[in-house]
Amino acid sequence: MSTERTHLEQPPPSFIKVWSDKLHQLGIAAPAVLFLEFNKPLSFVWGQFLLMGQPLLNTFLPRQFTQNAVNLLSDRTRLEQFIKELEGR
């Protein structure tokens, strides 16, 4: 029997913090918040697109990053947490 989990795991707080800091350093936190708020109804769909493209993305990005991004986009409460972190500065 497979021991693989069927539910989504929450991305670690460090993932949200690191990407929030990165977006602030690049000066694109406000447009990112606007983009995320605008696309919130479709966030689950975007997460599923990432999941479908994960084999290809994993050749360029670390597997843990893509998995954390999928988990973040696939759960609205986690996405809200990320948006609040971006707005919190």
N, C-alpha and C. Protein backbone atom coordinates (compact mmCIF):
# COMPACT_ATOMS: atom_id res chain seq x y z
N MET A 1 0.83 -1.18 0.00
CA MET A 1 0.00 0.00 0.00
C MET A 1 0.87 1.25 0.00
N SER A 2 0.44 2.26 -0.68
CA SER A 2 1.20 3.51 -0.77
C SER A 2 1.00 4.33 0.51
N THR A 3 2.07 4.94 0.96
CA THR A 3 1.98 5.80 2.15
C THR A 3 1.85 7.26 1.76
N GLU A 4 1.67 7.52 0.47
CA GLU A 4 1.55 8.89 0.00
C GLU A 4 0.26 9.50 0.53
N ARG A 5 0.36 10.76 0.96
CA ARG A 5 -0.80 11.44 1.52
C ARG A 5 -1.70 11.94 0.40
N THR A 6 -3.00 11.86 0.64
CA THR A 6 -3.94 12.32 -0.36
C THR A 6 -4.42 13.74 -0.09
N HIS A 7 -4.09 14.31 1.06
CA HIS A 7 -4.51 15.67 1.35
C HIS A 7 -3.34 16.62 1.15
N LEU A 8 -3.67 17.88 1.01
CA LEU A 8 -2.64 18.88 0.82
C LEU A 8 -1.98 19.23 2.14
N GLU A 9 -0.70 19.42 2.09
CA GLU A 9 0.02 19.85 3.27
C GLU A 9 0.16 21.36 3.21
N GLN A 10 0.17 21.96 4.37
CA GLN A 10 0.32 23.40 4.43
C GLN A 10 1.77 23.78 4.13
N PRO A 11 1.97 24.79 3.25
CA PRO A 11 3.34 25.22 3.02
C PRO A 11 3.92 25.77 4.31
N PRO A 12 5.20 25.56 4.54
CA PRO A 12 5.78 26.06 5.78
C PRO A 12 5.71 27.58 5.84
N PRO A 13 5.60 28.14 7.05
CA PRO A 13 5.56 29.60 7.18
C PRO A 13 6.76 30.27 6.54
N SER A 14 7.89 29.59 6.51
CA SER A 14 9.08 30.17 5.89
C SER A 14 8.87 30.38 4.39
N PHE A 15 8.11 29.51 3.73
CA PHE A 15 7.83 29.67 2.30
C PHE A 15 7.06 30.96 2.06
N ILE A 16 6.03 31.18 2.85
CA ILE A 16 5.23 32.40 2.71
C ILE A 16 6.07 33.63 3.04
N LYS A 17 6.85 33.56 4.10
CA LYS A 17 7.68 34.69 4.52
C LYS A 17 8.75 35.01 3.48
N VAL A 18 9.43 33.99 3.00
CA VAL A 18 10.51 34.20 2.02
C VAL A 18 9.96 34.84 0.75
N TRP A 19 8.82 34.34 0.25
CA TRP A 19 8.28 34.89 -0.98
C TRP A 19 7.67 36.27 -0.77
N SER A 20 7.14 36.52 0.39
CA SER A 20 6.66 37.86 0.71
C SER A 20 7.83 38.84 0.72
N ASP A 21 8.91 38.46 1.38
CA ASP A 21 10.11 39.32 1.42
C ASP A 21 10.67 39.54 0.02
N LYS A 22 10.70 38.49 -0.79
CA LYS A 22 11.25 38.59 -2.14
C LYS A 22 10.43 39.56 -3.00
N LEU A 23 9.10 39.45 -2.91
CA LEU A 23 8.24 40.35 -3.68
C LEU A 23 8.40 41.80 -3.22
N HIS A 24 8.58 42.01 -1.92
CA HIS A 24 8.81 43.36 -1.40
C HIS A 24 10.16 43.89 -1.89
N GLN A 25 11.18 43.07 -1.88
CA GLN A 25 12.50 43.50 -2.36
C GLN A 25 12.46 43.90 -3.83
N LEU A 26 11.69 43.17 -4.62
CA LEU A 26 11.57 43.48 -6.04
C LEU A 26 10.64 44.67 -6.31
N GLY A 27 9.93 45.09 -5.27
CA GLY A 27 9.03 46.23 -5.42
C GLY A 27 7.73 45.91 -6.13
N ILE A 28 7.35 44.66 -6.11
CA ILE A 28 6.12 44.26 -6.81
C ILE A 28 5.09 43.64 -5.87
N ALA A 29 5.18 43.97 -4.59
CA ALA A 29 4.23 43.41 -3.62
C ALA A 29 2.81 43.90 -3.89
N ALA A 30 2.66 45.21 -4.17
CA ALA A 30 1.32 45.76 -4.42
C ALA A 30 0.69 45.15 -5.68
N PRO A 31 1.41 45.09 -6.80
CA PRO A 31 0.80 44.42 -7.96
C PRO A 31 0.52 42.94 -7.71
N ALA A 32 1.35 42.29 -6.91
CA ALA A 32 1.13 40.88 -6.59
C ALA A 32 -0.15 40.70 -5.79
N VAL A 33 -0.39 41.60 -4.83
CA VAL A 33 -1.63 41.54 -4.04
C VAL A 33 -2.82 41.75 -4.95
N LEU A 34 -2.74 42.73 -5.83
CA LEU A 34 -3.83 43.00 -6.77
C LEU A 34 -4.09 41.78 -7.66
N PHE A 35 -3.02 41.20 -8.18
CA PHE A 35 -3.14 40.02 -9.04
C PHE A 35 -3.77 38.85 -8.27
N LEU A 36 -3.30 38.61 -7.05
CA LEU A 36 -3.82 37.49 -6.26
C LEU A 36 -5.28 37.71 -5.88
N GLU A 37 -5.63 38.95 -5.50
CA GLU A 37 -7.02 39.24 -5.15
C GLU A 37 -7.93 39.08 -6.37
N PHE A 38 -7.47 39.56 -7.50
CA PHE A 38 -8.26 39.48 -8.73
C PHE A 38 -8.47 38.03 -9.16
N ASN A 39 -7.46 37.20 -8.99
CA ASN A 39 -7.51 35.81 -9.43
C ASN A 39 -7.88 34.82 -8.33
N LYS A 40 -8.29 35.33 -7.18
CA LYS A 40 -8.63 34.45 -6.07
C LYS A 40 -9.70 33.41 -6.43
N PRO A 41 -10.75 33.79 -7.17
CA PRO A 41 -11.75 32.76 -7.54
C PRO A 41 -11.17 31.63 -8.40
N LEU A 42 -10.09 31.91 -9.11
CA LEU A 42 -9.48 30.90 -9.97
C LEU A 42 -8.23 30.28 -9.37
N SER A 43 -7.93 30.59 -8.12
CA SER A 43 -6.67 30.12 -7.53
C SER A 43 -6.57 28.59 -7.52
N PHE A 44 -7.69 27.92 -7.27
CA PHE A 44 -7.66 26.46 -7.28
C PHE A 44 -7.30 25.94 -8.67
N VAL A 45 -7.86 26.57 -9.69
CA VAL A 45 -7.57 26.16 -11.07
C VAL A 45 -6.10 26.38 -11.39
N TRP A 46 -5.56 27.54 -11.00
CA TRP A 46 -4.13 27.81 -11.22
C TRP A 46 -3.27 26.77 -10.50
N GLY A 47 -3.66 26.41 -9.29
CA GLY A 47 -2.93 25.39 -8.55
C GLY A 47 -2.94 24.05 -9.26
N GLN A 48 -4.09 23.72 -9.87
CA GLN A 48 -4.18 22.46 -10.61
C GLN A 48 -3.36 22.50 -11.90
N PHE A 49 -3.29 23.67 -12.55
CA PHE A 49 -2.42 23.81 -13.72
C PHE A 49 -0.96 23.61 -13.32
N LEU A 50 -0.58 24.17 -12.17
CA LEU A 50 0.79 23.95 -11.68
C LEU A 50 1.03 22.48 -11.41
N LEU A 51 0.05 21.83 -10.83
CA LEU A 51 0.18 20.40 -10.53
C LEU A 51 0.35 19.59 -11.81
N MET A 52 -0.41 19.94 -12.85
CA MET A 52 -0.27 19.23 -14.13
C MET A 52 1.09 19.50 -14.76
N GLY A 53 1.60 20.71 -14.60
CA GLY A 53 2.89 21.06 -15.19
C GLY A 53 4.07 20.76 -14.30
N GLN A 54 3.81 20.19 -13.13
CA GLN A 54 4.88 19.95 -12.16
C GLN A 54 6.02 19.11 -12.71
N PRO A 55 5.79 18.05 -13.48
CA PRO A 55 6.93 17.28 -14.00
C PRO A 55 7.88 18.14 -14.84
N LEU A 56 7.32 19.03 -15.65
CA LEU A 56 8.15 19.91 -16.45
C LEU A 56 8.81 21.00 -15.59
N LEU A 57 8.03 21.58 -14.69
CA LEU A 57 8.56 22.63 -13.82
C LEU A 57 9.69 22.12 -12.91
N ASN A 58 9.58 20.86 -12.52
CA ASN A 58 10.60 20.30 -11.63
C ASN A 58 11.97 20.16 -12.30
N THR A 59 12.02 20.29 -13.62
CA THR A 59 13.33 20.28 -14.28
C THR A 59 14.04 21.62 -14.10
N PHE A 60 13.25 22.68 -13.83
CA PHE A 60 13.82 24.02 -13.66
C PHE A 60 13.78 24.52 -12.22
N LEU A 61 12.82 24.04 -11.46
CA LEU A 61 12.62 24.51 -10.09
C LEU A 61 12.68 23.33 -9.13
N PRO A 62 13.04 23.59 -7.88
CA PRO A 62 13.04 22.50 -6.89
C PRO A 62 11.62 21.94 -6.70
N ARG A 63 11.53 20.65 -6.52
CA ARG A 63 10.24 19.98 -6.35
C ARG A 63 9.47 20.55 -5.16
N GLN A 64 10.17 20.84 -4.08
CA GLN A 64 9.52 21.36 -2.88
C GLN A 64 8.86 22.72 -3.15
N PHE A 65 9.52 23.54 -3.98
CA PHE A 65 8.95 24.84 -4.31
C PHE A 65 7.63 24.69 -5.07
N THR A 66 7.63 23.85 -6.10
CA THR A 66 6.41 23.69 -6.88
C THR A 66 5.30 23.06 -6.03
N GLN A 67 5.65 22.14 -5.16
CA GLN A 67 4.64 21.53 -4.30
C GLN A 67 4.06 22.55 -3.33
N ASN A 68 4.91 23.40 -2.75
CA ASN A 68 4.44 24.45 -1.86
C ASN A 68 3.55 25.44 -2.60
N ALA A 69 3.91 25.78 -3.84
CA ALA A 69 3.11 26.71 -4.63
C ALA A 69 1.73 26.10 -4.95
N VAL A 70 1.71 24.83 -5.30
CA VAL A 70 0.44 24.14 -5.56
C VAL A 70 -0.42 24.15 -4.31
N ASN A 71 0.16 23.82 -3.17
CA ASN A 71 -0.58 23.79 -1.92
C ASN A 71 -1.10 25.17 -1.53
N LEU A 72 -0.30 26.19 -1.79
CA LEU A 72 -0.71 27.56 -1.47
C LEU A 72 -1.89 27.99 -2.34
N LEU A 73 -1.81 27.73 -3.62
CA LEU A 73 -2.87 28.16 -4.54
C LEU A 73 -4.14 27.32 -4.42
N SER A 74 -4.01 26.10 -3.98
CA SER A 74 -5.16 25.19 -3.94
C SER A 74 -6.03 25.36 -2.70
N ASP A 75 -5.59 26.17 -1.76
CA ASP A 75 -6.36 26.37 -0.53
C ASP A 75 -6.54 27.87 -0.31
N ARG A 76 -7.77 28.31 -0.32
CA ARG A 76 -8.06 29.74 -0.22
C ARG A 76 -7.59 30.34 1.10
N THR A 77 -7.66 29.61 2.21
CA THR A 77 -7.22 30.18 3.49
C THR A 77 -5.71 30.41 3.49
N ARG A 78 -4.96 29.53 2.87
CA ARG A 78 -3.51 29.72 2.77
C ARG A 78 -3.18 30.90 1.86
N LEU A 79 -3.95 31.04 0.80
CA LEU A 79 -3.76 32.17 -0.10
C LEU A 79 -4.05 33.48 0.62
N GLU A 80 -5.11 33.50 1.42
CA GLU A 80 -5.42 34.69 2.23
C GLU A 80 -4.28 35.00 3.20
N GLN A 81 -3.70 33.98 3.78
CA GLN A 81 -2.58 34.17 4.69
C GLN A 81 -1.40 34.81 3.96
N PHE A 82 -1.14 34.36 2.74
CA PHE A 82 -0.06 34.93 1.94
C PHE A 82 -0.34 36.39 1.58
N ILE A 83 -1.58 36.68 1.19
CA ILE A 83 -1.95 38.05 0.85
C ILE A 83 -1.82 38.96 2.07
N LYS A 84 -2.25 38.49 3.24
CA LYS A 84 -2.11 39.29 4.46
C LYS A 84 -0.64 39.53 4.79
N GLU A 85 0.20 38.55 4.54
CA GLU A 85 1.64 38.73 4.76
C GLU A 85 2.20 39.79 3.82
N LEU A 86 1.74 39.78 2.59
CA LEU A 86 2.18 40.80 1.63
C LEU A 86 1.71 42.20 2.02
N GLU A 87 0.48 42.30 2.52
CA GLU A 87 -0.09 43.58 2.90
C GLU A 87 0.43 44.07 4.24
N GLY A 88 1.00 43.19 5.02
CA GLY A 88 1.38 43.50 6.40
C GLY A 88 2.53 44.47 6.58
N ARG A 89 3.13 44.92 5.54
CA ARG A 89 4.29 45.82 5.69
C ARG A 89 3.91 47.25 5.55
